[in-house]
Amino acid sequence: TSGGRTNYADSVKDRFAISRDNAKNTVHL
C-alpha cells in the first residue's frame, strides 16, 4: 500500500519495476 515493498516473478525480475503514486491514484509497471 505504501510502495515500500515490492515483489516480482522470476521471469521479470531485474527487467520490470512496479511503482505507485497514491496522491495520483496510479500504479505503473
PDB file of all heavy atoms in Angstrom:
ATOM      1  N   THR A   1       0.808  -1.214   0.000  1.00  0.00           N
ATOM      2  CA  THR A   1       0.000   0.000   0.000  1.00  0.00           C
ATOM      3  C   THR A   1       0.844   1.268   0.000  1.00  0.00           C
ATOM      4  O   THR A   1       0.513   2.241  -0.680  1.00  0.00           O
ATOM      5  CB  THR A   1      -0.945   0.024   1.198  1.00  0.00           C
ATOM      6  OG1 THR A   1      -0.173  -0.165   2.397  1.00  0.00           O
ATOM      7  CG2 THR A   1      -2.006  -1.061   1.104  1.00  0.00           C
ATOM      8  N   SER A   2       1.932   1.261   0.736  1.00  0.00           N
ATOM      9  CA  SER A   2       2.785   2.451   0.817  1.00  0.00           C
ATOM     10  C   SER A   2       3.795   2.528  -0.320  1.00  0.00           C
ATOM     11  O   SER A   2       4.395   3.575  -0.552  1.00  0.00           O
ATOM     12  CB  SER A   2       3.541   2.462   2.145  1.00  0.00           C
ATOM     13  OG  SER A   2       4.479   1.387   2.168  1.00  0.00           O
ATOM     14  N   GLY A   3       3.990   1.406  -1.000  1.00  0.00           N
ATOM     15  CA  GLY A   3       5.020   1.342  -2.027  1.00  0.00           C
ATOM     16  C   GLY A   3       6.368   0.907  -1.495  1.00  0.00           C
ATOM     17  O   GLY A   3       7.326   0.780  -2.245  1.00  0.00           O
ATOM     18  N   GLY A   4       6.441   0.646  -0.204  1.00  0.00           N
ATOM     19  CA  GLY A   4       7.717   0.308   0.394  1.00  0.00           C
ATOM     20  C   GLY A   4       8.186  -1.118   0.149  1.00  0.00           C
ATOM     21  O   GLY A   4       9.364  -1.428   0.329  1.00  0.00           O
ATOM     22  N   ARG A   5       7.264  -1.966  -0.217  1.00  0.00           N
ATOM     23  CA  ARG A   5       7.615  -3.365  -0.509  1.00  0.00           C
ATOM     24  C   ARG A   5       7.153  -3.729  -1.906  1.00  0.00           C
ATOM     25  O   ARG A   5       6.054  -3.388  -2.309  1.00  0.00           O
ATOM     26  CB  ARG A   5       6.976  -4.303   0.501  1.00  0.00           C
ATOM     27  CG  ARG A   5       7.485  -4.150   1.926  1.00  0.00           C
ATOM     28  CD  ARG A   5       6.796  -5.160   2.847  1.00  0.00           C
ATOM     29  NE  ARG A   5       5.369  -4.928   2.941  1.00  0.00           N
ATOM     30  CZ  ARG A   5       4.464  -5.888   3.128  1.00  0.00           C
ATOM     31  NH1 ARG A   5       4.838  -7.153   3.216  1.00  0.00           N
ATOM     32  NH2 ARG A   5       3.179  -5.583   3.222  1.00  0.00           N
ATOM     33  N   THR A   6       8.010  -4.423  -2.632  1.00  0.00           N
ATOM     34  CA  THR A   6       7.680  -4.898  -3.961  1.00  0.00           C
ATOM     35  C   THR A   6       8.068  -6.370  -4.098  1.00  0.00           C
ATOM     36  O   THR A   6       8.887  -6.886  -3.335  1.00  0.00           O
ATOM     37  CB  THR A   6       8.386  -4.090  -5.066  1.00  0.00           C
ATOM     38  OG1 THR A   6       9.803  -4.159  -4.851  1.00  0.00           O
ATOM     39  CG2 THR A   6       7.944  -2.636  -5.062  1.00  0.00           C
ATOM     40  N   ASN A   7       7.470  -7.009  -5.073  1.00  0.00           N
ATOM     41  CA  ASN A   7       7.735  -8.420  -5.319  1.00  0.00           C
ATOM     42  C   ASN A   7       7.595  -8.668  -6.806  1.00  0.00           C
ATOM     43  O   ASN A   7       6.730  -8.065  -7.455  1.00  0.00           O
ATOM     44  CB  ASN A   7       6.741  -9.285  -4.521  1.00  0.00           C
ATOM     45  CG  ASN A   7       6.974 -10.762  -4.715  1.00  0.00           C
ATOM     46  OD1 ASN A   7       6.498 -11.358  -5.683  1.00  0.00           O
ATOM     47  ND2 ASN A   7       7.708 -11.368  -3.806  1.00  0.00           N
ATOM     48  N   TYR A   8       8.436  -9.562  -7.357  1.00  0.00           N
ATOM     49  CA  TYR A   8       8.429  -9.822  -8.791  1.00  0.00           C
ATOM     50  C   TYR A   8       8.474 -11.308  -9.086  1.00  0.00           C
ATOM     51  O   TYR A   8       9.106 -12.089  -8.357  1.00  0.00           O
ATOM     52  CB  TYR A   8       9.652  -9.160  -9.451  1.00  0.00           C
ATOM     53  CG  TYR A   8       9.667  -7.660  -9.327  1.00  0.00           C
ATOM     54  CD1 TYR A   8      10.320  -7.041  -8.260  1.00  0.00           C
ATOM     55  CD2 TYR A   8       9.013  -6.859 -10.255  1.00  0.00           C
ATOM     56  CE1 TYR A   8      10.324  -5.662  -8.126  1.00  0.00           C
ATOM     57  CE2 TYR A   8       9.011  -5.482 -10.125  1.00  0.00           C
ATOM     58  CZ  TYR A   8       9.665  -4.895  -9.061  1.00  0.00           C
ATOM     59  OH  TYR A   8       9.655  -3.527  -8.931  1.00  0.00           O
ATOM     60  N   ALA A   9       7.858 -11.668 -10.175  1.00  0.00           N
ATOM     61  CA  ALA A   9       8.041 -13.016 -10.703  1.00  0.00           C
ATOM     62  C   ALA A   9       9.477 -13.151 -11.193  1.00  0.00           C
ATOM     63  O   ALA A   9      10.084 -12.176 -11.662  1.00  0.00           O
ATOM     64  CB  ALA A   9       7.068 -13.271 -11.850  1.00  0.00           C
ATOM     65  N   ASP A  10      10.016 -14.337 -11.082  1.00  0.00           N
ATOM     66  CA  ASP A  10      11.407 -14.555 -11.503  1.00  0.00           C
ATOM     67  C   ASP A  10      11.622 -14.185 -12.968  1.00  0.00           C
ATOM     68  O   ASP A  10      12.701 -13.705 -13.343  1.00  0.00           O
ATOM     69  CB  ASP A  10      11.799 -16.018 -11.282  1.00  0.00           C
ATOM     70  CG  ASP A  10      11.969 -16.360  -9.814  1.00  0.00           C
ATOM     71  OD1 ASP A  10      12.112 -15.427  -8.985  1.00  0.00           O
ATOM     72  OD2 ASP A  10      11.942 -17.553  -9.489  1.00  0.00           O
ATOM     73  N   SER A  11      10.593 -14.384 -13.787  1.00  0.00           N
ATOM     74  CA  SER A  11      10.731 -14.152 -15.223  1.00  0.00           C
ATOM     75  C   SER A  11      10.916 -12.678 -15.573  1.00  0.00           C
ATOM     76  O   SER A  11      11.376 -12.368 -16.686  1.00  0.00           O
ATOM     77  CB  SER A  11       9.511 -14.709 -15.960  1.00  0.00           C
ATOM     78  OG  SER A  11       8.332 -14.094 -15.482  1.00  0.00           O
ATOM     79  N   VAL A  12      10.569 -11.786 -14.662  1.00  0.00           N
ATOM     80  CA  VAL A  12      10.673 -10.354 -14.973  1.00  0.00           C
ATOM     81  C   VAL A  12      11.604  -9.610 -14.019  1.00  0.00           C
ATOM     82  O   VAL A  12      11.857  -8.405 -14.213  1.00  0.00           O
ATOM     83  CB  VAL A  12       9.285  -9.670 -14.951  1.00  0.00           C
ATOM     84  CG1 VAL A  12       8.314 -10.394 -15.874  1.00  0.00           C
ATOM     85  CG2 VAL A  12       8.726  -9.578 -13.533  1.00  0.00           C
ATOM     86  N   LYS A  13      12.095 -10.299 -13.018  1.00  0.00           N
ATOM     87  CA  LYS A  13      12.980  -9.661 -12.046  1.00  0.00           C
ATOM     88  C   LYS A  13      14.170  -9.041 -12.750  1.00  0.00           C
ATOM     89  O   LYS A  13      14.733  -9.635 -13.674  1.00  0.00           O
ATOM     90  CB  LYS A  13      13.427 -10.702 -11.016  1.00  0.00           C
ATOM     91  CG  LYS A  13      13.914 -10.143  -9.707  1.00  0.00           C
ATOM     92  CD  LYS A  13      14.103 -11.273  -8.689  1.00  0.00           C
ATOM     93  CE  LYS A  13      12.795 -11.900  -8.304  1.00  0.00           C
ATOM     94  NZ  LYS A  13      12.964 -12.945  -7.252  1.00  0.00           N
ATOM     95  N   ASP A  14      14.550  -7.869 -12.339  1.00  0.00           N
ATOM     96  CA  ASP A  14      15.680  -7.101 -12.895  1.00  0.00           C
ATOM     97  C   ASP A  14      15.375  -6.479 -14.254  1.00  0.00           C
ATOM     98  O   ASP A  14      16.229  -5.777 -14.806  1.00  0.00           O
ATOM     99  CB  ASP A  14      16.948  -7.973 -13.023  1.00  0.00           C
ATOM    100  CG  ASP A  14      17.432  -8.508 -11.693  1.00  0.00           C
ATOM    101  OD1 ASP A  14      17.273  -7.780 -10.694  1.00  0.00           O
ATOM    102  OD2 ASP A  14      17.943  -9.638 -11.649  1.00  0.00           O
ATOM    103  N   ARG A  15      14.181  -6.722 -14.810  1.00  0.00           N
ATOM    104  CA  ARG A  15      13.784  -6.067 -16.058  1.00  0.00           C
ATOM    105  C   ARG A  15      12.588  -5.146 -15.862  1.00  0.00           C
ATOM    106  O   ARG A  15      12.474  -4.118 -16.540  1.00  0.00           O
ATOM    107  CB  ARG A  15      13.447  -7.114 -17.130  1.00  0.00           C
ATOM    108  CG  ARG A  15      14.597  -8.012 -17.514  1.00  0.00           C
ATOM    109  CD  ARG A  15      14.245  -8.871 -18.723  1.00  0.00           C
ATOM    110  NE  ARG A  15      13.100  -9.754 -18.478  1.00  0.00           N
ATOM    111  CZ  ARG A  15      11.978  -9.742 -19.203  1.00  0.00           C
ATOM    112  NH1 ARG A  15      11.842  -8.900 -20.219  1.00  0.00           N
ATOM    113  NH2 ARG A  15      10.992 -10.590 -18.927  1.00  0.00           N
ATOM    114  N   PHE A  16      11.682  -5.514 -14.959  1.00  0.00           N
ATOM    115  CA  PHE A  16      10.465  -4.750 -14.723  1.00  0.00           C
ATOM    116  C   PHE A  16      10.548  -4.066 -13.360  1.00  0.00           C
ATOM    117  O   PHE A  16      11.205  -4.571 -12.441  1.00  0.00           O
ATOM    118  CB  PHE A  16       9.243  -5.670 -14.738  1.00  0.00           C
ATOM    119  CG  PHE A  16       8.867  -6.231 -16.078  1.00  0.00           C
ATOM    120  CD1 PHE A  16       9.701  -6.138 -17.184  1.00  0.00           C
ATOM    121  CD2 PHE A  16       7.639  -6.872 -16.240  1.00  0.00           C
ATOM    122  CE1 PHE A  16       9.340  -6.666 -18.409  1.00  0.00           C
ATOM    123  CE2 PHE A  16       7.255  -7.405 -17.455  1.00  0.00           C
ATOM    124  CZ  PHE A  16       8.117  -7.314 -18.537  1.00  0.00           C
ATOM    125  N   ALA A  17       9.843  -2.951 -13.238  1.00  0.00           N
ATOM    126  CA  ALA A  17       9.777  -2.243 -11.958  1.00  0.00           C
ATOM    127  C   ALA A  17       8.362  -1.733 -11.740  1.00  0.00           C
ATOM    128  O   ALA A  17       7.803  -1.040 -12.602  1.00  0.00           O
ATOM    129  CB  ALA A  17      10.767  -1.092 -11.932  1.00  0.00           C
ATOM    130  N   ILE A  18       7.805  -2.069 -10.590  1.00  0.00           N
ATOM    131  CA  ILE A  18       6.472  -1.596 -10.220  1.00  0.00           C
ATOM    132  C   ILE A  18       6.609  -0.420  -9.273  1.00  0.00           C
ATOM    133  O   ILE A  18       7.507  -0.397  -8.418  1.00  0.00           O
ATOM    134  CB  ILE A  18       5.639  -2.740  -9.589  1.00  0.00           C
ATOM    135  CG1 ILE A  18       4.188  -2.311  -9.388  1.00  0.00           C
ATOM    136  CG2 ILE A  18       6.278  -3.224  -8.292  1.00  0.00           C
ATOM    137  CD1 ILE A  18       3.270  -3.461  -8.954  1.00  0.00           C
ATOM    138  N   SER A  19       5.733   0.558  -9.430  1.00  0.00           N
ATOM    139  CA  SER A  19       5.735   1.723  -8.546  1.00  0.00           C
ATOM    140  C   SER A  19       4.311   2.232  -8.426  1.00  0.00           C
ATOM    141  O   SER A  19       3.440   1.864  -9.213  1.00  0.00           O
ATOM    142  CB  SER A  19       6.662   2.821  -9.101  1.00  0.00           C
ATOM    143  OG  SER A  19       6.203   3.271 -10.365  1.00  0.00           O
ATOM    144  N   ARG A  20       4.090   3.089  -7.453  1.00  0.00           N
ATOM    145  CA  ARG A  20       2.762   3.661  -7.276  1.00  0.00           C
ATOM    146  C   ARG A  20       2.882   5.088  -6.790  1.00  0.00           C
ATOM    147  O   ARG A  20       3.859   5.467  -6.136  1.00  0.00           O
ATOM    148  CB  ARG A  20       1.912   2.825  -6.312  1.00  0.00           C
ATOM    149  CG  ARG A  20       2.363   2.850  -4.876  1.00  0.00           C
ATOM    150  CD  ARG A  20       1.557   1.826  -4.049  1.00  0.00           C
ATOM    151  NE  ARG A  20       0.149   2.174  -3.982  1.00  0.00           N
ATOM    152  CZ  ARG A  20      -0.807   1.294  -3.618  1.00  0.00           C
ATOM    153  NH1 ARG A  20      -0.475   0.043  -3.317  1.00  0.00           N
ATOM    154  NH2 ARG A  20      -2.069   1.673  -3.564  1.00  0.00           N
ATOM    155  N   ASP A  21       1.846   5.868  -7.096  1.00  0.00           N
ATOM    156  CA  ASP A  21       1.743   7.243  -6.630  1.00  0.00           C
ATOM    157  C   ASP A  21       0.355   7.374  -6.008  1.00  0.00           C
ATOM    158  O   ASP A  21      -0.649   7.538  -6.717  1.00  0.00           O
ATOM    159  CB  ASP A  21       1.925   8.218  -7.796  1.00  0.00           C
ATOM    160  CG  ASP A  21       1.936   9.663  -7.355  1.00  0.00           C
ATOM    161  OD1 ASP A  21       1.404   9.975  -6.269  1.00  0.00           O
ATOM    162  OD2 ASP A  21       2.451  10.503  -8.108  1.00  0.00           O
ATOM    163  N   ASN A  22       0.292   7.300  -4.691  1.00  0.00           N
ATOM    164  CA  ASN A  22      -1.009   7.328  -4.013  1.00  0.00           C
ATOM    165  C   ASN A  22      -1.690   8.694  -4.129  1.00  0.00           C
ATOM    166  O   ASN A  22      -2.908   8.779  -4.073  1.00  0.00           O
ATOM    167  CB  ASN A  22      -0.847   6.937  -2.546  1.00  0.00           C
ATOM    168  CG  ASN A  22      -0.609   5.446  -2.384  1.00  0.00           C
ATOM    169  OD1 ASN A  22      -0.896   4.652  -3.282  1.00  0.00           O
ATOM    170  ND2 ASN A  22      -0.072   5.056  -1.238  1.00  0.00           N
ATOM    171  N   ALA A  23      -0.923   9.730  -4.313  1.00  0.00           N
ATOM    172  CA  ALA A  23      -1.514  11.059  -4.481  1.00  0.00           C
ATOM    173  C   ALA A  23      -2.248  11.174  -5.814  1.00  0.00           C
ATOM    174  O   ALA A  23      -3.198  11.953  -5.941  1.00  0.00           O
ATOM    175  CB  ALA A  23      -0.440  12.130  -4.385  1.00  0.00           C
ATOM    176  N   LYS A  24      -1.794  10.385  -6.801  1.00  0.00           N
ATOM    177  CA  LYS A  24      -2.407  10.428  -8.132  1.00  0.00           C
ATOM    178  C   LYS A  24      -3.230   9.184  -8.438  1.00  0.00           C
ATOM    179  O   LYS A  24      -3.711   9.008  -9.550  1.00  0.00           O
ATOM    180  CB  LYS A  24      -1.319  10.602  -9.198  1.00  0.00           C
ATOM    181  CG  LYS A  24      -0.590  11.933  -9.104  1.00  0.00           C
ATOM    182  CD  LYS A  24       0.444  12.073 -10.219  1.00  0.00           C
ATOM    183  CE  LYS A  24       1.148  13.427 -10.135  1.00  0.00           C
ATOM    184  NZ  LYS A  24       2.165  13.577 -11.216  1.00  0.00           N
ATOM    185  N   ASN A  25      -3.368   8.307  -7.449  1.00  0.00           N
ATOM    186  CA  ASN A  25      -4.161   7.078  -7.626  1.00  0.00           C
ATOM    187  C   ASN A  25      -3.704   6.271  -8.840  1.00  0.00           C
ATOM    188  O   ASN A  25      -4.515   5.820  -9.663  1.00  0.00           O
ATOM    189  CB  ASN A  25      -5.654   7.408  -7.776  1.00  0.00           C
ATOM    190  CG  ASN A  25      -6.331   7.682  -6.447  1.00  0.00           C
ATOM    191  OD1 ASN A  25      -5.664   7.882  -5.428  1.00  0.00           O
ATOM    192  ND2 ASN A  25      -7.640   7.733  -6.448  1.00  0.00           N
ATOM    193  N   THR A  26      -2.407   6.118  -8.972  1.00  0.00           N
ATOM    194  CA  THR A  26      -1.892   5.369 -10.114  1.00  0.00           C
ATOM    195  C   THR A  26      -0.832   4.354  -9.688  1.00  0.00           C
ATOM    196  O   THR A  26      -0.138   4.545  -8.674  1.00  0.00           O
ATOM    197  CB  THR A  26      -1.261   6.294 -11.168  1.00  0.00           C
ATOM    198  OG1 THR A  26      -0.245   7.088 -10.549  1.00  0.00           O
ATOM    199  CG2 THR A  26      -2.281   7.197 -11.819  1.00  0.00           C
ATOM    200  N   VAL A  27      -0.722   3.321 -10.452  1.00  0.00           N
ATOM    201  CA  VAL A  27       0.348   2.338 -10.300  1.00  0.00           C
ATOM    202  C   VAL A  27       0.937   2.116 -11.691  1.00  0.00           C
ATOM    203  O   VAL A  27       0.218   2.149 -12.690  1.00  0.00           O
ATOM    204  CB  VAL A  27      -0.163   1.026  -9.666  1.00  0.00           C
ATOM    205  CG1 VAL A  27      -1.216   0.366 -10.517  1.00  0.00           C
ATOM    206  CG2 VAL A  27       0.993   0.074  -9.413  1.00  0.00           C
ATOM    207  N   HIS A  28       2.245   1.959 -11.729  1.00  0.00           N
ATOM    208  CA  HIS A  28       2.945   1.829 -13.001  1.00  0.00           C
ATOM    209  C   HIS A  28       3.738   0.533 -13.049  1.00  0.00           C
ATOM    210  O   HIS A  28       4.135  -0.013 -12.017  1.00  0.00           O
ATOM    211  CB  HIS A  28       3.913   3.001 -13.202  1.00  0.00           C
ATOM    212  CG  HIS A  28       3.254   4.333 -13.180  1.00  0.00           C
ATOM    213  ND1 HIS A  28       2.481   4.803 -14.219  1.00  0.00           N
ATOM    214  CD2 HIS A  28       3.245   5.304 -12.233  1.00  0.00           C
ATOM    215  CE1 HIS A  28       2.034   5.996 -13.913  1.00  0.00           C
ATOM    216  NE2 HIS A  28       2.474   6.327 -12.713  1.00  0.00           N
ATOM    217  N   LEU A  29       3.972   0.080 -14.263  1.00  0.00           N
ATOM    218  CA  LEU A  29       4.873  -1.050 -14.483  1.00  0.00           C
ATOM    219  C   LEU A  29       5.831  -0.652 -15.596  1.00  0.00           C
ATOM    220  O   LEU A  29       5.431  -0.558 -16.766  1.00  0.00           O
ATOM    221  CB  LEU A  29       4.101  -2.315 -14.871  1.00  0.00           C
ATOM    222  CG  LEU A  29       4.966  -3.569 -15.014  1.00  0.00           C
ATOM    223  CD1 LEU A  29       5.492  -3.995 -13.632  1.00  0.00           C
ATOM    224  CD2 LEU A  29       4.167  -4.711 -15.642  1.00  0.00           C
TER     225      LEU A  29
END
